[in-house]
Amino acid sequence: MHTMGAAVRAADGQIFTGVNVYHFTGGPCAELVALGAARAGGATELTHVVAVGNHGRGVKSPCGRDRQVLADYHPHVRVILPGPDCLVSVTASDLLPLAFDHSAEQV
């Protein structure tokens, strides 16, 4: 069952998509699947990411795990989110203020 879909846009304009692989034990989020598809397709610089829910649920905000991955690997990517009256766009690093800095911990 797929409950979310996601798309990422690379700096060269290519679009990569993904769906979550829902299972009661967990599974990858659609955003992570799309990030993996982009990397497998050779994209290293991403400009935008968006996730949408199935059954017409519209644009959804990324979960905490997705926010951490985006902040670690693509802190400047624009994340499209639902706002109070319209869609908004913020950087991944703005989604996770005072985040754990994974790169600083690598020795």
PDB file of N, CA and C in Angstrom:
ATOM      1  N   MET A   1       0.845  -1.176   0.000  1.00  0.00           N
ATOM      2  CA  MET A   1       0.000   0.000   0.000  1.00  0.00           C
ATOM      3  C   MET A   1       0.890   1.238   0.000  1.00  0.00           C
ATOM      4  N   HIS A   2       0.546   2.196  -0.807  1.00  0.00           N
ATOM      5  CA  HIS A   2       1.288   3.447  -0.891  1.00  0.00           C
ATOM      6  C   HIS A   2       0.376   4.564  -0.407  1.00  0.00           C
ATOM      7  N   THR A   3       0.812   5.272   0.617  1.00  0.00           N
ATOM      8  CA  THR A   3      -0.021   6.334   1.167  1.00  0.00           C
ATOM      9  C   THR A   3       0.541   7.720   0.893  1.00  0.00           C
ATOM     10  N   MET A   4       1.778   7.785   0.429  1.00  0.00           N
ATOM     11  CA  MET A   4       2.424   9.068   0.133  1.00  0.00           C
ATOM     12  C   MET A   4       3.238   8.929  -1.150  1.00  0.00           C
ATOM     13  N   GLY A   5       3.334  10.030  -1.867  1.00  0.00           N
ATOM     14  CA  GLY A   5       4.219  10.130  -3.016  1.00  0.00           C
ATOM     15  C   GLY A   5       5.068  11.373  -2.839  1.00  0.00           C
ATOM     16  N   ALA A   6       6.234  11.400  -3.447  1.00  0.00           N
ATOM     17  CA  ALA A   6       7.117  12.561  -3.324  1.00  0.00           C
ATOM     18  C   ALA A   6       7.842  12.780  -4.646  1.00  0.00           C
ATOM     19  N   ALA A   7       8.259  14.016  -4.848  1.00  0.00           N
ATOM     20  CA  ALA A   7       9.066  14.368  -6.013  1.00  0.00           C
ATOM     21  C   ALA A   7      10.166  15.316  -5.578  1.00  0.00           C
ATOM     22  N   VAL A   8      11.328  15.152  -6.184  1.00  0.00           N
ATOM     23  CA  VAL A   8      12.439  16.082  -5.973  1.00  0.00           C
ATOM     24  C   VAL A   8      12.872  16.613  -7.331  1.00  0.00           C
ATOM     25  N   ARG A   9      13.291  17.852  -7.329  1.00  0.00           N
ATOM     26  CA  ARG A   9      13.772  18.491  -8.556  1.00  0.00           C
ATOM     27  C   ARG A   9      15.258  18.729  -8.412  1.00  0.00           C
ATOM     28  N   ALA A  10      16.015  18.282  -9.402  1.00  0.00           N
ATOM     29  CA  ALA A  10      17.459  18.494  -9.422  1.00  0.00           C
ATOM     30  C   ALA A  10      17.766  19.852 -10.038  1.00  0.00           C
ATOM     31  N   ALA A  11      18.965  20.340  -9.786  1.00  0.00           N
ATOM     32  CA  ALA A  11      19.376  21.644 -10.284  1.00  0.00           C
ATOM     33  C   ALA A  11      19.322  21.718 -11.812  1.00  0.00           C
ATOM     34  N   ASP A  12      19.469  20.582 -12.491  1.00  0.00           N
ATOM     35  CA  ASP A  12      19.410  20.585 -13.954  1.00  0.00           C
ATOM     36  C   ASP A  12      17.985  20.443 -14.480  1.00  0.00           C
ATOM     37  N   GLY A  13      16.993  20.441 -13.578  1.00  0.00           N
ATOM     38  CA  GLY A  13      15.599  20.382 -13.981  1.00  0.00           C
ATOM     39  C   GLY A  13      14.980  19.003 -13.994  1.00  0.00           C
ATOM     40  N   GLN A  14      15.785  17.964 -13.829  1.00  0.00           N
ATOM     41  CA  GLN A  14      15.230  16.613 -13.794  1.00  0.00           C
ATOM     42  C   GLN A  14      14.341  16.440 -12.570  1.00  0.00           C
ATOM     43  N   ILE A  15      13.282  15.661 -12.726  1.00  0.00           N
ATOM     44  CA  ILE A  15      12.371  15.350 -11.635  1.00  0.00           C
ATOM     45  C   ILE A  15      12.487  13.862 -11.324  1.00  0.00           C
ATOM     46  N   PHE A  16      12.605  13.548 -10.043  1.00  0.00           N
ATOM     47  CA  PHE A  16      12.666  12.163  -9.581  1.00  0.00           C
ATOM     48  C   PHE A  16      11.527  11.946  -8.593  1.00  0.00           C
ATOM     49  N   THR A  17      10.905  10.786  -8.658  1.00  0.00           N
ATOM     50  CA  THR A  17       9.743  10.524  -7.808  1.00  0.00           C
ATOM     51  C   THR A  17       9.948   9.283  -6.956  1.00  0.00           C
ATOM     52  N   GLY A  18       9.110   9.159  -5.933  1.00  0.00           N
ATOM     53  CA  GLY A  18       9.132   7.982  -5.082  1.00  0.00           C
ATOM     54  C   GLY A  18       7.807   7.835  -4.370  1.00  0.00           C
ATOM     55  N   VAL A  19       7.525   6.625  -3.936  1.00  0.00           N
ATOM     56  CA  VAL A  19       6.360   6.357  -3.090  1.00  0.00           C
ATOM     57  C   VAL A  19       6.850   5.637  -1.846  1.00  0.00           C
ATOM     58  N   ASN A  20       6.087   5.782  -0.767  1.00  0.00           N
ATOM     59  CA  ASN A  20       6.471   5.041   0.425  1.00  0.00           C
ATOM     60  C   ASN A  20       6.096   3.577   0.240  1.00  0.00           C
ATOM     61  N   VAL A  21       6.771   2.730   0.971  1.00  0.00           N
ATOM     62  CA  VAL A  21       6.474   1.308   0.957  1.00  0.00           C
ATOM     63  C   VAL A  21       5.927   0.992   2.350  1.00  0.00           C
ATOM     64  N   TYR A  22       4.627   1.174   2.502  1.00  0.00           N
ATOM     65  CA  TYR A  22       4.005   1.041   3.814  1.00  0.00           C
ATOM     66  C   TYR A  22       3.939  -0.418   4.237  1.00  0.00           C
ATOM     67  N   HIS A  23       4.334  -0.655   5.454  1.00  0.00           N
ATOM     68  CA  HIS A  23       4.249  -1.967   6.078  1.00  0.00           C
ATOM     69  C   HIS A  23       4.137  -1.732   7.570  1.00  0.00           C
ATOM     70  N   PHE A  24       3.451  -2.602   8.274  1.00  0.00           N
ATOM     71  CA  PHE A  24       3.238  -2.377   9.699  1.00  0.00           C
ATOM     72  C   PHE A  24       4.542  -2.345  10.492  1.00  0.00           C
ATOM     73  N   THR A  25       5.641  -2.846   9.940  1.00  0.00           N
ATOM     74  CA  THR A  25       6.924  -2.795  10.636  1.00  0.00           C
ATOM     75  C   THR A  25       7.689  -1.518  10.324  1.00  0.00           C
ATOM     76  N   GLY A  26       7.141  -0.691   9.464  1.00  0.00           N
ATOM     77  CA  GLY A  26       7.814   0.541   9.067  1.00  0.00           C
ATOM     78  C   GLY A  26       8.142   0.487   7.594  1.00  0.00           C
ATOM     79  N   GLY A  27       9.033   1.298   7.176  1.00  0.00           N
ATOM     80  CA  GLY A  27       9.430   1.332   5.776  1.00  0.00           C
ATOM     81  C   GLY A  27       9.892   2.720   5.407  1.00  0.00           C
ATOM     82  N   PRO A  28      10.478   2.855   4.230  1.00  0.00           N
ATOM     83  CA  PRO A  28      10.991   4.166   3.828  1.00  0.00           C
ATOM     84  C   PRO A  28       9.864   5.122   3.455  1.00  0.00           C
ATOM     85  N   CYS A  29      10.039   6.367   3.821  1.00  0.00           N
ATOM     86  CA  CYS A  29       9.098   7.416   3.443  1.00  0.00           C
ATOM     87  C   CYS A  29       9.279   7.741   1.963  1.00  0.00           C
ATOM     88  N   ALA A  30       8.248   8.301   1.365  1.00  0.00           N
ATOM     89  CA  ALA A  30       8.298   8.656  -0.055  1.00  0.00           C
ATOM     90  C   ALA A  30       9.433   9.629  -0.359  1.00  0.00           C
ATOM     91  N   GLU A  31       9.667  10.576   0.554  1.00  0.00           N
ATOM     92  CA  GLU A  31      10.743  11.540   0.326  1.00  0.00           C
ATOM     93  C   GLU A  31      12.099  10.834   0.242  1.00  0.00           C
ATOM     94  N   LEU A  32      12.330   9.855   1.099  1.00  0.00           N
ATOM     95  CA  LEU A  32      13.612   9.144   1.072  1.00  0.00           C
ATOM     96  C   LEU A  32      13.753   8.295  -0.181  1.00  0.00           C
ATOM     97  N   VAL A  33      12.652   7.709  -0.642  1.00  0.00           N
ATOM     98  CA  VAL A  33      12.689   6.942  -1.885  1.00  0.00           C
ATOM     99  C   VAL A  33      13.015   7.870  -3.052  1.00  0.00           C
ATOM    100  N   ALA A  34      12.392   9.056  -3.090  1.00  0.00           N
ATOM    101  CA  ALA A  34      12.669  10.017  -4.161  1.00  0.00           C
ATOM    102  C   ALA A  34      14.117  10.504  -4.095  1.00  0.00           C
ATOM    103  N   LEU A  35      14.637  10.746  -2.883  1.00  0.00           N
ATOM    104  CA  LEU A  35      16.043  11.147  -2.741  1.00  0.00           C
ATOM    105  C   LEU A  35      16.968  10.064  -3.276  1.00  0.00           C
ATOM    106  N   GLY A  36      16.662   8.808  -2.967  1.00  0.00           N
ATOM    107  CA  GLY A  36      17.461   7.696  -3.470  1.00  0.00           C
ATOM    108  C   GLY A  36      17.404   7.591  -4.982  1.00  0.00           C
ATOM    109  N   ALA A  37      16.217   7.793  -5.556  1.00  0.00           N
ATOM    110  CA  ALA A  37      16.071   7.747  -7.017  1.00  0.00           C
ATOM    111  C   ALA A  37      16.889   8.863  -7.667  1.00  0.00           C
ATOM    112  N   ALA A  38      16.883  10.040  -7.048  1.00  0.00           N
ATOM    113  CA  ALA A  38      17.658  11.156  -7.581  1.00  0.00           C
ATOM    114  C   ALA A  38      19.151  10.841  -7.555  1.00  0.00           C
ATOM    115  N   ARG A  39      19.608  10.320  -6.438  1.00  0.00           N
ATOM    116  CA  ARG A  39      21.043   9.997  -6.326  1.00  0.00           C
ATOM    117  C   ARG A  39      21.425   8.898  -7.297  1.00  0.00           C
ATOM    118  N   ALA A  40      20.577   7.869  -7.410  1.00  0.00           N
ATOM    119  CA  ALA A  40      20.843   6.785  -8.364  1.00  0.00           C
ATOM    120  C   ALA A  40      20.840   7.306  -9.792  1.00  0.00           C
ATOM    121  N   GLY A  41      20.073   8.355 -10.060  1.00  0.00           N
ATOM    122  CA  GLY A  41      20.018   8.967 -11.384  1.00  0.00           C
ATOM    123  C   GLY A  41      21.129   9.968 -11.637  1.00  0.00           C
ATOM    124  N   GLY A  42      22.042  10.130 -10.675  1.00  0.00           N
ATOM    125  CA  GLY A  42      23.192  11.010 -10.862  1.00  0.00           C
ATOM    126  C   GLY A  42      23.022  12.422 -10.343  1.00  0.00           C
ATOM    127  N   ALA A  43      21.866  12.746  -9.782  1.00  0.00           N
ATOM    128  CA  ALA A  43      21.644  14.098  -9.266  1.00  0.00           C
ATOM    129  C   ALA A  43      22.348  14.263  -7.919  1.00  0.00           C
ATOM    130  N   THR A  44      23.100  15.318  -7.790  1.00  0.00           N
ATOM    131  CA  THR A  44      23.776  15.593  -6.517  1.00  0.00           C
ATOM    132  C   THR A  44      23.285  16.886  -5.887  1.00  0.00           C
ATOM    133  N   GLU A  45      22.797  17.811  -6.711  1.00  0.00           N
ATOM    134  CA  GLU A  45      22.280  19.070  -6.192  1.00  0.00           C
ATOM    135  C   GLU A  45      20.779  19.123  -6.447  1.00  0.00           C
ATOM    136  N   LEU A  46      20.013  19.241  -5.371  1.00  0.00           N
ATOM    137  CA  LEU A  46      18.561  19.293  -5.477  1.00  0.00           C
ATOM    138  C   LEU A  46      18.080  20.694  -5.144  1.00  0.00           C
ATOM    139  N   THR A  47      16.985  21.104  -5.778  1.00  0.00           N
ATOM    140  CA  THR A  47      16.450  22.435  -5.519  1.00  0.00           C
ATOM    141  C   THR A  47      15.126  22.411  -4.759  1.00  0.00           C
ATOM    142  N   HIS A  48      14.284  21.396  -4.998  1.00  0.00           N
ATOM    143  CA  HIS A  48      12.956  21.357  -4.383  1.00  0.00           C
ATOM    144  C   HIS A  48      12.547  19.930  -4.041  1.00  0.00           C
ATOM    145  N   VAL A  49      11.708  19.811  -3.023  1.00  0.00           N
ATOM    146  CA  VAL A  49      11.102  18.530  -2.663  1.00  0.00           C
ATOM    147  C   VAL A  49       9.681  18.787  -2.188  1.00  0.00           C
ATOM    148  N   VAL A  50       8.789  17.875  -2.536  1.00  0.00           N
ATOM    149  CA  VAL A  50       7.398  17.976  -2.099  1.00  0.00           C
ATOM    150  C   VAL A  50       6.846  16.570  -1.906  1.00  0.00           C
ATOM    151  N   ALA A  51       5.974  16.417  -0.935  1.00  0.00           N
ATOM    152  CA  ALA A  51       5.295  15.137  -0.688  1.00  0.00           C
ATOM    153  C   ALA A  51       3.795  15.373  -0.688  1.00  0.00           C
ATOM    154  N   VAL A  52       3.067  14.402  -1.217  1.00  0.00           N
ATOM    155  CA  VAL A  52       1.606  14.492  -1.253  1.00  0.00           C
ATOM    156  C   VAL A  52       1.002  13.189  -0.741  1.00  0.00           C
ATOM    157  N   GLY A  53      -0.152  13.330  -0.101  1.00  0.00           N
ATOM    158  CA  GLY A  53      -0.861  12.164   0.415  1.00  0.00           C
ATOM    159  C   GLY A  53      -1.810  11.584  -0.623  1.00  0.00           C
ATOM    160  N   ASN A  54      -2.073  10.294  -0.481  1.00  0.00           N
ATOM    161  CA  ASN A  54      -3.004   9.640  -1.401  1.00  0.00           C
ATOM    162  C   ASN A  54      -4.440  10.092  -1.141  1.00  0.00           C
ATOM    163  N   HIS A  55      -5.328   9.675  -2.013  1.00  0.00           N
ATOM    164  CA  HIS A  55      -6.757   9.978  -1.895  1.00  0.00           C
ATOM    165  C   HIS A  55      -7.037  11.473  -1.788  1.00  0.00           C
ATOM    166  N   GLY A  56      -6.228  12.281  -2.497  1.00  0.00           N
ATOM    167  CA  GLY A  56      -6.478  13.710  -2.546  1.00  0.00           C
ATOM    168  C   GLY A  56      -6.156  14.485  -1.283  1.00  0.00           C
ATOM    169  N   ARG A  57      -5.289  13.920  -0.422  1.00  0.00           N
ATOM    170  CA  ARG A  57      -4.965  14.607   0.830  1.00  0.00           C
ATOM    171  C   ARG A  57      -4.061  15.806   0.638  1.00  0.00           C
ATOM    172  N   GLY A  58      -3.489  15.963  -0.537  1.00  0.00           N
ATOM    173  CA  GLY A  58      -2.688  17.155  -0.833  1.00  0.00           C
ATOM    174  C   GLY A  58      -1.276  17.121  -0.290  1.00  0.00           C
ATOM    175  N   VAL A  59      -0.639  18.274  -0.343  1.00  0.00           N
ATOM    176  CA  VAL A  59       0.755  18.425   0.093  1.00  0.00           C
ATOM    177  C   VAL A  59       0.841  18.216   1.598  1.00  0.00           C
ATOM    178  N   LYS A  60       1.871  17.464   2.011  1.00  0.00           N
ATOM    179  CA  LYS A  60       2.085  17.149   3.425  1.00  0.00           C
ATOM    180  C   LYS A  60       3.491  17.561   3.843  1.00  0.00           C
ATOM    181  N   SER A  61       3.630  17.866   5.114  1.00  0.00           N
ATOM    182  CA  SER A  61       4.918  18.224   5.692  1.00  0.00           C
ATOM    183  C   SER A  61       5.746  16.960   5.949  1.00  0.00           C
ATOM    184  N   PRO A  62       7.059  17.007   5.754  1.00  0.00           N
ATOM    185  CA  PRO A  62       7.879  15.813   6.002  1.00  0.00           C
ATOM    186  C   PRO A  62       7.959  15.472   7.488  1.00  0.00           C
ATOM    187  N   CYS A  63       8.105  14.185   7.756  1.00  0.00           N
ATOM    188  CA  CYS A  63       8.236  13.724   9.140  1.00  0.00           C
ATOM    189  C   CYS A  63       9.619  14.097   9.686  1.00  0.00           C
ATOM    190  N   GLY A  64       9.842  13.840  10.947  1.00  0.00           N
ATOM    191  CA  GLY A  64      11.107  14.182  11.603  1.00  0.00           C
ATOM    192  C   GLY A  64      12.312  13.505  10.985  1.00  0.00           C
ATOM    193  N   ARG A  65      12.174  12.223  10.644  1.00  0.00           N
ATOM    194  CA  ARG A  65      13.305  11.506  10.037  1.00  0.00           C
ATOM    195  C   ARG A  65      13.655  12.135   8.695  1.00  0.00           C
ATOM    196  N   ASP A  66      12.636  12.443   7.890  1.00  0.00           N
ATOM    197  CA  ASP A  66      12.893  13.076   6.592  1.00  0.00           C
ATOM    198  C   ASP A  66      13.543  14.438   6.771  1.00  0.00           C
ATOM    199  N   ARG A  67      13.089  15.193   7.743  1.00  0.00           N
ATOM    200  CA  ARG A  67      13.670  16.514   8.000  1.00  0.00           C
ATOM    201  C   ARG A  67      15.150  16.393   8.338  1.00  0.00           C
ATOM    202  N   GLN A  68      15.504  15.401   9.158  1.00  0.00           N
ATOM    203  CA  GLN A  68      16.904  15.219   9.540  1.00  0.00           C
ATOM    204  C   GLN A  68      17.745  14.833   8.330  1.00  0.00           C
ATOM    205  N   VAL A  69      17.256  13.909   7.512  1.00  0.00           N
ATOM    206  CA  VAL A  69      18.004  13.499   6.316  1.00  0.00           C
ATOM    207  C   VAL A  69      18.167  14.672   5.361  1.00  0.00           C
ATOM    208  N   LEU A  70      17.093  15.418   5.129  1.00  0.00           N
ATOM    209  CA  LEU A  70      17.184  16.582   4.250  1.00  0.00           C
ATOM    210  C   LEU A  70      18.165  17.612   4.796  1.00  0.00           C
ATOM    211  N   ALA A  71      18.117  17.874   6.094  1.00  0.00           N
ATOM    212  CA  ALA A  71      19.030  18.843   6.704  1.00  0.00           C
ATOM    213  C   ALA A  71      20.483  18.373   6.611  1.00  0.00           C
ATOM    214  N   ASP A  72      20.708  17.068   6.740  1.00  0.00           N
ATOM    215  CA  ASP A  72      22.072  16.526   6.664  1.00  0.00           C
ATOM    216  C   ASP A  72      22.644  16.564   5.253  1.00  0.00           C
ATOM    217  N   TYR A  73      21.846  16.154   4.271  1.00  0.00           N
ATOM    218  CA  TYR A  73      22.359  15.990   2.914  1.00  0.00           C
ATOM    219  C   TYR A  73      22.036  17.148   1.968  1.00  0.00           C
ATOM    220  N   HIS A  74      20.934  17.837   2.210  1.00  0.00           N
ATOM    221  CA  HIS A  74      20.500  18.904   1.306  1.00  0.00           C
ATOM    222  C   HIS A  74      19.926  20.066   2.116  1.00  0.00           C
ATOM    223  N   PRO A  75      20.731  20.720   2.954  1.00  0.00           N
ATOM    224  CA  PRO A  75      20.205  21.760   3.842  1.00  0.00           C
ATOM    225  C   PRO A  75      19.588  22.951   3.111  1.00  0.00           C
ATOM    226  N   HIS A  76      19.960  23.168   1.863  1.00  0.00           N
ATOM    227  CA  HIS A  76      19.459  24.337   1.126  1.00  0.00           C
ATOM    228  C   HIS A  76      18.314  24.001   0.175  1.00  0.00           C
ATOM    229  N   VAL A  77      17.906  22.733   0.117  1.00  0.00           N
ATOM    230  CA  VAL A  77      16.785  22.367  -0.750  1.00  0.00           C
ATOM    231  C   VAL A  77      15.525  23.066  -0.246  1.00  0.00           C
ATOM    232  N   ARG A  78      14.688  23.522  -1.173  1.00  0.00           N
ATOM    233  CA  ARG A  78      13.425  24.163  -0.810  1.00  0.00           C
ATOM    234  C   ARG A  78      12.379  23.072  -0.614  1.00  0.00           C
ATOM    235  N   VAL A  79      11.754  23.059   0.538  1.00  0.00           N
ATOM    236  CA  VAL A  79      10.716  22.088   0.868  1.00  0.00           C
ATOM    237  C   VAL A  79       9.368  22.790   0.740  1.00  0.00           C
ATOM    238  N   ILE A  80       8.503  22.233  -0.077  1.00  0.00           N
ATOM    239  CA  ILE A  80       7.174  22.816  -0.279  1.00  0.00           C
ATOM    240  C   ILE A  80       6.231  22.212   0.759  1.00  0.00           C
ATOM    241  N   LEU A  81       5.544  23.107   1.489  1.00  0.00           N
ATOM    242  CA  LEU A  81       4.710  22.699   2.623  1.00  0.00           C
ATOM    243  C   LEU A  81       3.335  23.348   2.541  1.00  0.00           C
ATOM    244  N   PRO A  82       2.359  22.747   3.222  1.00  0.00           N
ATOM    245  CA  PRO A  82       1.074  23.437   3.324  1.00  0.00           C
ATOM    246  C   PRO A  82       1.187  24.566   4.342  1.00  0.00           C
ATOM    247  N   GLY A  83       0.720  25.740   3.960  1.00  0.00           N
ATOM    248  CA  GLY A  83       0.673  26.873   4.882  1.00  0.00           C
ATOM    249  C   GLY A  83      -0.763  27.113   5.295  1.00  0.00           C
ATOM    250  N   PRO A  84      -1.002  28.141   6.088  1.00  0.00           N
ATOM    251  CA  PRO A  84      -2.366  28.407   6.553  1.00  0.00           C
ATOM    252  C   PRO A  84      -3.335  28.718   5.409  1.00  0.00           C
ATOM    253  N   ASP A  85      -2.845  29.411   4.374  1.00  0.00           N
ATOM    254  CA  ASP A  85      -3.727  29.814   3.276  1.00  0.00           C
ATOM    255  C   ASP A  85      -3.279  29.317   1.907  1.00  0.00           C
ATOM    256  N   CYS A  86      -2.007  28.923   1.800  1.00  0.00           N
ATOM    257  CA  CYS A  86      -1.467  28.486   0.511  1.00  0.00           C
ATOM    258  C   CYS A  86      -0.197  27.679   0.774  1.00  0.00           C
ATOM    259  N   LEU A  87       0.388  27.156  -0.281  1.00  0.00           N
ATOM    260  CA  LEU A  87       1.644  26.434  -0.133  1.00  0.00           C
ATOM    261  C   LEU A  87       2.771  27.421   0.153  1.00  0.00           C
ATOM    262  N   VAL A  88       3.742  26.965   0.943  1.00  0.00           N
ATOM    263  CA  VAL A  88       4.914  27.775   1.256  1.00  0.00           C
ATOM    264  C   VAL A  88       6.162  26.960   0.943  1.00  0.00           C
ATOM    265  N   SER A  89       7.293  27.638   0.872  1.00  0.00           N
ATOM    266  CA  SER A  89       8.563  27.003   0.565  1.00  0.00           C
ATOM    267  C   SER A  89       9.605  27.503   1.565  1.00  0.00           C
ATOM    268  N   VAL A  90      10.246  26.568   2.251  1.00  0.00           N
ATOM    269  CA  VAL A  90      11.308  26.905   3.199  1.00  0.00           C
ATOM    270  C   VAL A  90      12.487  25.976   2.949  1.00  0.00           C
ATOM    271  N   THR A  91      13.669  26.358   3.437  1.00  0.00           N
ATOM    272  CA  THR A  91      14.815  25.461   3.293  1.00  0.00           C
ATOM    273  C   THR A  91      14.711  24.317   4.296  1.00  0.00           C
ATOM    274  N   ALA A  92      15.337  23.208   3.960  1.00  0.00           N
ATOM    275  CA  ALA A  92      15.331  22.054   4.849  1.00  0.00           C
ATOM    276  C   ALA A  92      15.927  22.411   6.206  1.00  0.00           C
ATOM    277  N   SER A  93      16.967  23.227   6.216  1.00  0.00           N
ATOM    278  CA  SER A  93      17.580  23.593   7.502  1.00  0.00           C
ATOM    279  C   SER A  93      16.619  24.416   8.360  1.00  0.00           C
ATOM    280  N   ASP A  94      15.710  25.177   7.724  1.00  0.00           N
ATOM    281  CA  ASP A  94      14.711  25.937   8.485  1.00  0.00           C
ATOM    282  C   ASP A  94      13.688  25.014   9.161  1.00  0.00           C
ATOM    283  N   LEU A  95      13.504  23.825   8.624  1.00  0.00           N
ATOM    284  CA  LEU A  95      12.544  22.879   9.195  1.00  0.00           C
ATOM    285  C   LEU A  95      13.045  22.231  10.483  1.00  0.00           C
ATOM    286  N   LEU A  96      14.340  22.310  10.709  1.00  0.00           N
ATOM    287  CA  LEU A  96      14.924  21.613  11.852  1.00  0.00           C
ATOM    288  C   LEU A  96      15.886  22.541  12.595  1.00  0.00           C
ATOM    289  N   PRO A  97      15.361  23.576  13.248  1.00  0.00           N
ATOM    290  CA  PRO A  97      16.257  24.487  13.975  1.00  0.00           C
ATOM    291  C   PRO A  97      16.957  23.755  15.122  1.00  0.00           C
ATOM    292  N   LEU A  98      18.177  24.134  15.360  1.00  0.00           N
ATOM    293  CA  LEU A  98      18.993  23.526  16.424  1.00  0.00           C
ATOM    294  C   LEU A  98      19.134  22.019  16.243  1.00  0.00           C
ATOM    295  N   ALA A  99      19.202  21.587  14.993  1.00  0.00           N
ATOM    296  CA  ALA A  99      19.266  20.154  14.668  1.00  0.00           C
ATOM    297  C   ALA A  99      20.597  19.544  15.098  1.00  0.00           C
ATOM    298  N   PHE A 100      20.565  18.252  15.297  1.00  0.00           N
ATOM    299  CA  PHE A 100      21.787  17.457  15.480  1.00  0.00           C
ATOM    300  C   PHE A 100      22.622  17.608  14.221  1.00  0.00           C
ATOM    301  N   ASP A 101      23.899  17.900  14.340  1.00  0.00           N
ATOM    302  CA  ASP A 101      24.778  18.081  13.195  1.00  0.00           C
ATOM    303  C   ASP A 101      25.591  16.805  12.987  1.00  0.00           C
ATOM    304  N   HIS A 102      25.072  15.944  12.139  1.00  0.00           N
ATOM    305  CA  HIS A 102      25.706  14.650  11.891  1.00  0.00           C
ATOM    306  C   HIS A 102      27.124  14.797  11.345  1.00  0.00           C
ATOM    307  N   SER A 103      27.330  15.731  10.429  1.00  0.00           N
ATOM    308  CA  SER A 103      28.651  15.892   9.814  1.00  0.00           C
ATOM    309  C   SER A 103      29.700  16.328  10.839  1.00  0.00           C
ATOM    310  N   ALA A 104      29.305  17.094  11.830  1.00  0.00           N
ATOM    311  CA  ALA A 104      30.243  17.534  12.867  1.00  0.00           C
ATOM    312  C   ALA A 104      30.699  16.387  13.754  1.00  0.00           C
ATOM    313  N   GLU A 105      29.914  15.309  13.796  1.00  0.00           N
ATOM    314  CA  GLU A 105      30.237  14.168  14.643  1.00  0.00           C
ATOM    315  C   GLU A 105      31.141  13.153  13.941  1.00  0.00           C
ATOM    316  N   GLN A 106      31.367  13.326  12.638  1.00  0.00           N
ATOM    317  CA  GLN A 106      32.204  12.393  11.890  1.00  0.00           C
ATOM    318  C   GLN A 106      33.664  12.759  12.076  1.00  0.00           C
ATOM    319  N   VAL A 107      34.425  11.852  12.620  1.00  0.00           N
ATOM    320  CA  VAL A 107      35.842  12.105  12.896  1.00  0.00           C
ATOM    321  C   VAL A 107      36.696  11.296  11.969  1.00  0.00           C
TER     322      VAL A 107
END
